Amino acid sequence: MENGTQQHSSLQKRFYWIGIAEGISFLLLLGIAMPLKYLANMPMAVSIVGMAHGVLFLAYLYVAYECWQTFRWPFKKFFLAGIASLLPFGPFWFHKRYAA
């Protein structure tokens, strides 16, 4: 029984930290990389940060799906996690409002 509890705790921590990383990467993409691309003619910033954000975005959605299945979240909570990943500061709001 304890092993299952440890696995749940591990999944919760993974979802939290991936959410934080995804939220930060989105803010970096919007607040630093995009201005560098369009104002300083440095498109490489978007390539690098955009790739990292894309990987974290997919990881966030995958782990949200895992949480939905493992913790038997209502569909609304899973849906809101997905919507939150599309908005600046969304993952931070989701984790504060709906702690996994």
N, C-alpha and C. Protein backbone atom coordinates (compact mmCIF):
# COMPACT_ATOMS: atom_id res chain seq x y z
N MET A 1 0.83 -1.20 0.00
CA MET A 1 0.00 0.00 0.00
C MET A 1 0.87 1.26 0.00
N GLU A 2 1.95 1.22 0.75
CA GLU A 2 2.80 2.39 0.84
C GLU A 2 3.45 2.71 -0.51
N ASN A 3 3.80 1.68 -1.28
CA ASN A 3 4.39 1.89 -2.58
C ASN A 3 3.44 2.66 -3.50
N GLY A 4 2.15 2.33 -3.47
CA GLY A 4 1.16 3.07 -4.25
C GLY A 4 1.07 4.52 -3.83
N THR A 5 1.15 4.78 -2.53
CA THR A 5 1.13 6.14 -2.02
C THR A 5 2.36 6.91 -2.49
N GLN A 6 3.51 6.24 -2.49
CA GLN A 6 4.74 6.89 -2.96
C GLN A 6 4.64 7.21 -4.45
N GLN A 7 4.03 6.31 -5.22
CA GLN A 7 3.87 6.56 -6.65
C GLN A 7 2.94 7.74 -6.88
N HIS A 8 1.86 7.85 -6.10
CA HIS A 8 0.95 8.99 -6.23
C HIS A 8 1.66 10.28 -5.89
N SER A 9 2.43 10.26 -4.80
CA SER A 9 3.17 11.44 -4.39
C SER A 9 4.17 11.84 -5.47
N SER A 10 4.82 10.86 -6.06
CA SER A 10 5.79 11.13 -7.12
C SER A 10 5.10 11.75 -8.34
N LEU A 11 3.94 11.23 -8.70
CA LEU A 11 3.19 11.77 -9.84
C LEU A 11 2.75 13.20 -9.56
N GLN A 12 2.29 13.47 -8.34
CA GLN A 12 1.88 14.82 -7.98
C GLN A 12 3.06 15.79 -8.08
N LYS A 13 4.21 15.36 -7.58
CA LYS A 13 5.40 16.22 -7.65
C LYS A 13 5.83 16.45 -9.09
N ARG A 14 5.79 15.41 -9.90
CA ARG A 14 6.16 15.53 -11.30
C ARG A 14 5.23 16.52 -12.01
N PHE A 15 3.93 16.39 -11.77
CA PHE A 15 2.97 17.30 -12.40
C PHE A 15 3.22 18.74 -11.96
N TYR A 16 3.48 18.93 -10.69
CA TYR A 16 3.74 20.28 -10.17
C TYR A 16 4.97 20.89 -10.84
N TRP A 17 6.09 20.16 -10.84
CA TRP A 17 7.34 20.72 -11.36
C TRP A 17 7.32 20.89 -12.87
N ILE A 18 6.68 19.97 -13.57
CA ILE A 18 6.56 20.16 -15.02
C ILE A 18 5.67 21.36 -15.31
N GLY A 19 4.63 21.56 -14.51
CA GLY A 19 3.76 22.73 -14.66
C GLY A 19 4.51 24.03 -14.45
N ILE A 20 5.35 24.05 -13.42
CA ILE A 20 6.16 25.25 -13.16
C ILE A 20 7.10 25.51 -14.32
N ALA A 21 7.79 24.47 -14.77
CA ALA A 21 8.74 24.63 -15.88
C ALA A 21 8.02 25.05 -17.16
N GLU A 22 6.85 24.46 -17.43
CA GLU A 22 6.11 24.82 -18.64
C GLU A 22 5.64 26.28 -18.57
N GLY A 23 5.17 26.70 -17.42
CA GLY A 23 4.73 28.08 -17.25
C GLY A 23 5.87 29.07 -17.43
N ILE A 24 7.02 28.76 -16.86
CA ILE A 24 8.19 29.64 -17.00
C ILE A 24 8.65 29.68 -18.46
N SER A 25 8.68 28.51 -19.11
CA SER A 25 9.14 28.49 -20.51
C SER A 25 8.20 29.31 -21.41
N PHE A 26 6.91 29.28 -21.12
CA PHE A 26 5.95 30.06 -21.91
C PHE A 26 6.20 31.56 -21.70
N LEU A 27 6.43 31.94 -20.45
CA LEU A 27 6.71 33.36 -20.17
C LEU A 27 8.01 33.81 -20.81
N LEU A 28 9.03 32.93 -20.79
CA LEU A 28 10.30 33.27 -21.46
C LEU A 28 10.10 33.41 -22.96
N LEU A 29 9.29 32.53 -23.52
CA LEU A 29 9.03 32.59 -24.96
C LEU A 29 8.33 33.90 -25.33
N LEU A 30 7.29 34.24 -24.57
CA LEU A 30 6.53 35.45 -24.88
C LEU A 30 7.26 36.74 -24.50
N GLY A 31 7.94 36.71 -23.35
CA GLY A 31 8.52 37.94 -22.81
C GLY A 31 9.95 38.25 -23.23
N ILE A 32 10.70 37.21 -23.64
CA ILE A 32 12.10 37.44 -24.01
C ILE A 32 12.37 37.00 -25.45
N ALA A 33 12.05 35.75 -25.76
CA ALA A 33 12.43 35.22 -27.07
C ALA A 33 11.70 35.91 -28.22
N MET A 34 10.40 36.14 -28.08
CA MET A 34 9.66 36.80 -29.16
C MET A 34 10.12 38.24 -29.38
N PRO A 35 10.29 39.03 -28.31
CA PRO A 35 10.84 40.37 -28.55
C PRO A 35 12.23 40.35 -29.18
N LEU A 36 13.08 39.38 -28.77
CA LEU A 36 14.40 39.29 -29.40
C LEU A 36 14.28 38.98 -30.89
N LYS A 37 13.34 38.14 -31.24
CA LYS A 37 13.16 37.79 -32.65
C LYS A 37 12.70 38.99 -33.47
N TYR A 38 11.70 39.70 -32.96
CA TYR A 38 11.09 40.75 -33.78
C TYR A 38 11.70 42.14 -33.58
N LEU A 39 12.31 42.38 -32.44
CA LEU A 39 12.89 43.71 -32.20
C LEU A 39 14.40 43.75 -32.39
N ALA A 40 15.07 42.60 -32.18
CA ALA A 40 16.53 42.58 -32.28
C ALA A 40 17.00 41.66 -33.41
N ASN A 41 16.07 41.17 -34.22
CA ASN A 41 16.40 40.28 -35.34
C ASN A 41 17.26 39.08 -34.90
N MET A 42 16.80 38.43 -33.81
CA MET A 42 17.50 37.25 -33.28
C MET A 42 16.52 36.07 -33.25
N PRO A 43 16.23 35.48 -34.41
CA PRO A 43 15.23 34.40 -34.45
C PRO A 43 15.67 33.12 -33.73
N MET A 44 16.97 32.96 -33.49
CA MET A 44 17.45 31.75 -32.82
C MET A 44 16.87 31.63 -31.41
N ALA A 45 16.59 32.74 -30.76
CA ALA A 45 16.02 32.69 -29.40
C ALA A 45 14.69 31.95 -29.40
N VAL A 46 13.85 32.21 -30.40
CA VAL A 46 12.55 31.53 -30.48
C VAL A 46 12.75 30.05 -30.80
N SER A 47 13.73 29.75 -31.63
CA SER A 47 14.00 28.35 -31.96
C SER A 47 14.37 27.55 -30.72
N ILE A 48 15.22 28.09 -29.90
CA ILE A 48 15.69 27.37 -28.71
C ILE A 48 14.60 27.32 -27.64
N VAL A 49 14.09 28.47 -27.26
CA VAL A 49 13.08 28.52 -26.20
C VAL A 49 11.79 27.87 -26.67
N GLY A 50 11.45 28.04 -27.94
CA GLY A 50 10.24 27.44 -28.48
C GLY A 50 10.29 25.92 -28.45
N MET A 51 11.44 25.34 -28.77
CA MET A 51 11.58 23.89 -28.71
C MET A 51 11.45 23.39 -27.28
N ALA A 52 12.12 24.06 -26.34
CA ALA A 52 12.03 23.66 -24.93
C ALA A 52 10.58 23.77 -24.44
N HIS A 53 9.93 24.85 -24.81
CA HIS A 53 8.54 25.04 -24.39
C HIS A 53 7.64 23.96 -24.99
N GLY A 54 7.86 23.63 -26.24
CA GLY A 54 7.04 22.61 -26.89
C GLY A 54 7.16 21.26 -26.20
N VAL A 55 8.37 20.88 -25.84
CA VAL A 55 8.59 19.62 -25.13
C VAL A 55 7.91 19.66 -23.76
N LEU A 56 8.07 20.76 -23.04
CA LEU A 56 7.45 20.89 -21.72
C LEU A 56 5.92 20.94 -21.82
N PHE A 57 5.39 21.57 -22.85
CA PHE A 57 3.95 21.63 -23.07
C PHE A 57 3.38 20.22 -23.25
N LEU A 58 4.02 19.43 -24.10
CA LEU A 58 3.56 18.05 -24.31
C LEU A 58 3.71 17.21 -23.04
N ALA A 59 4.80 17.41 -22.31
CA ALA A 59 4.99 16.67 -21.06
C ALA A 59 3.91 17.05 -20.06
N TYR A 60 3.57 18.33 -19.98
CA TYR A 60 2.52 18.80 -19.07
C TYR A 60 1.18 18.14 -19.40
N LEU A 61 0.83 18.13 -20.68
CA LEU A 61 -0.43 17.51 -21.08
C LEU A 61 -0.43 16.01 -20.79
N TYR A 62 0.68 15.35 -21.03
CA TYR A 62 0.77 13.91 -20.77
C TYR A 62 0.63 13.61 -19.28
N VAL A 63 1.32 14.37 -18.45
CA VAL A 63 1.26 14.12 -17.00
C VAL A 63 -0.11 14.53 -16.46
N ALA A 64 -0.74 15.55 -17.03
CA ALA A 64 -2.12 15.89 -16.65
C ALA A 64 -3.04 14.72 -16.95
N TYR A 65 -2.83 14.09 -18.10
CA TYR A 65 -3.63 12.91 -18.46
C TYR A 65 -3.38 11.77 -17.46
N GLU A 66 -2.12 11.56 -17.10
CA GLU A 66 -1.79 10.53 -16.10
C GLU A 66 -2.49 10.82 -14.78
N CYS A 67 -2.50 12.08 -14.36
CA CYS A 67 -3.17 12.45 -13.10
C CYS A 67 -4.67 12.22 -13.22
N TRP A 68 -5.24 12.57 -14.35
CA TRP A 68 -6.68 12.37 -14.58
C TRP A 68 -7.03 10.89 -14.40
N GLN A 69 -6.22 10.03 -14.97
CA GLN A 69 -6.48 8.59 -14.88
C GLN A 69 -6.19 8.04 -13.49
N THR A 70 -5.05 8.42 -12.93
CA THR A 70 -4.62 7.86 -11.64
C THR A 70 -5.47 8.34 -10.49
N PHE A 71 -5.75 9.64 -10.45
CA PHE A 71 -6.47 10.22 -9.32
C PHE A 71 -7.98 10.32 -9.58
N ARG A 72 -8.39 9.87 -10.75
CA ARG A 72 -9.81 9.90 -11.14
C ARG A 72 -10.39 11.32 -11.01
N TRP A 73 -9.61 12.26 -11.58
CA TRP A 73 -10.09 13.64 -11.60
C TRP A 73 -11.39 13.71 -12.39
N PRO A 74 -12.26 14.65 -12.02
CA PRO A 74 -13.41 14.93 -12.90
C PRO A 74 -12.87 15.47 -14.23
N PHE A 75 -13.60 15.25 -15.30
CA PHE A 75 -13.16 15.72 -16.61
C PHE A 75 -12.92 17.23 -16.60
N LYS A 76 -13.73 17.97 -15.87
CA LYS A 76 -13.59 19.44 -15.81
C LYS A 76 -12.20 19.84 -15.33
N LYS A 77 -11.68 19.14 -14.33
CA LYS A 77 -10.35 19.46 -13.79
C LYS A 77 -9.27 19.18 -14.84
N PHE A 78 -9.38 18.05 -15.52
CA PHE A 78 -8.44 17.70 -16.59
C PHE A 78 -8.51 18.74 -17.71
N PHE A 79 -9.72 19.10 -18.10
CA PHE A 79 -9.92 20.09 -19.16
C PHE A 79 -9.31 21.44 -18.77
N LEU A 80 -9.52 21.85 -17.52
CA LEU A 80 -8.95 23.12 -17.06
C LEU A 80 -7.42 23.08 -17.03
N ALA A 81 -6.85 21.93 -16.71
CA ALA A 81 -5.39 21.80 -16.76
C ALA A 81 -4.91 22.04 -18.19
N GLY A 82 -5.62 21.47 -19.16
CA GLY A 82 -5.26 21.67 -20.56
C GLY A 82 -5.41 23.12 -21.00
N ILE A 83 -6.50 23.75 -20.62
CA ILE A 83 -6.71 25.17 -20.96
C ILE A 83 -5.65 26.04 -20.28
N ALA A 84 -5.33 25.72 -19.04
CA ALA A 84 -4.33 26.50 -18.31
C ALA A 84 -2.97 26.47 -19.01
N SER A 85 -2.67 25.37 -19.67
CA SER A 85 -1.38 25.26 -20.36
C SER A 85 -1.30 26.17 -21.58
N LEU A 86 -2.42 26.68 -22.03
CA LEU A 86 -2.45 27.56 -23.20
C LEU A 86 -2.37 29.04 -22.83
N LEU A 87 -2.46 29.36 -21.55
CA LEU A 87 -2.51 30.75 -21.09
C LEU A 87 -1.26 31.14 -20.31
N PRO A 88 -0.76 32.35 -20.53
CA PRO A 88 0.34 32.81 -19.68
C PRO A 88 -0.11 32.79 -18.21
N PHE A 89 0.72 32.30 -17.35
CA PHE A 89 0.45 32.15 -15.92
C PHE A 89 -0.60 31.08 -15.62
N GLY A 90 -1.12 30.41 -16.65
CA GLY A 90 -2.16 29.41 -16.46
C GLY A 90 -1.77 28.24 -15.56
N PRO A 91 -0.61 27.61 -15.79
CA PRO A 91 -0.24 26.50 -14.92
C PRO A 91 -0.07 26.92 -13.46
N PHE A 92 0.42 28.14 -13.24
CA PHE A 92 0.58 28.61 -11.86
C PHE A 92 -0.79 28.75 -11.19
N TRP A 93 -1.74 29.32 -11.91
CA TRP A 93 -3.11 29.46 -11.40
C TRP A 93 -3.71 28.09 -11.12
N PHE A 94 -3.55 27.16 -12.08
CA PHE A 94 -4.14 25.83 -11.91
C PHE A 94 -3.60 25.13 -10.68
N HIS A 95 -2.29 25.19 -10.48
CA HIS A 95 -1.70 24.50 -9.34
C HIS A 95 -2.08 25.15 -8.02
N LYS A 96 -2.30 26.44 -8.03
CA LYS A 96 -2.73 27.11 -6.80
C LYS A 96 -4.19 26.79 -6.52
N ARG A 97 -5.01 26.77 -7.54
CA ARG A 97 -6.45 26.56 -7.38
C ARG A 97 -6.82 25.09 -7.20
N TYR A 98 -6.17 24.23 -7.96
CA TYR A 98 -6.49 22.80 -7.96
C TYR A 98 -5.24 21.99 -7.66
N ALA A 99 -4.78 22.05 -6.45
CA ALA A 99 -3.59 21.27 -6.10
C ALA A 99 -3.85 19.80 -6.43
N ALA A 100 -2.91 19.22 -7.17
CA ALA A 100 -3.04 17.81 -7.59
C ALA A 100 -3.11 16.96 -6.37
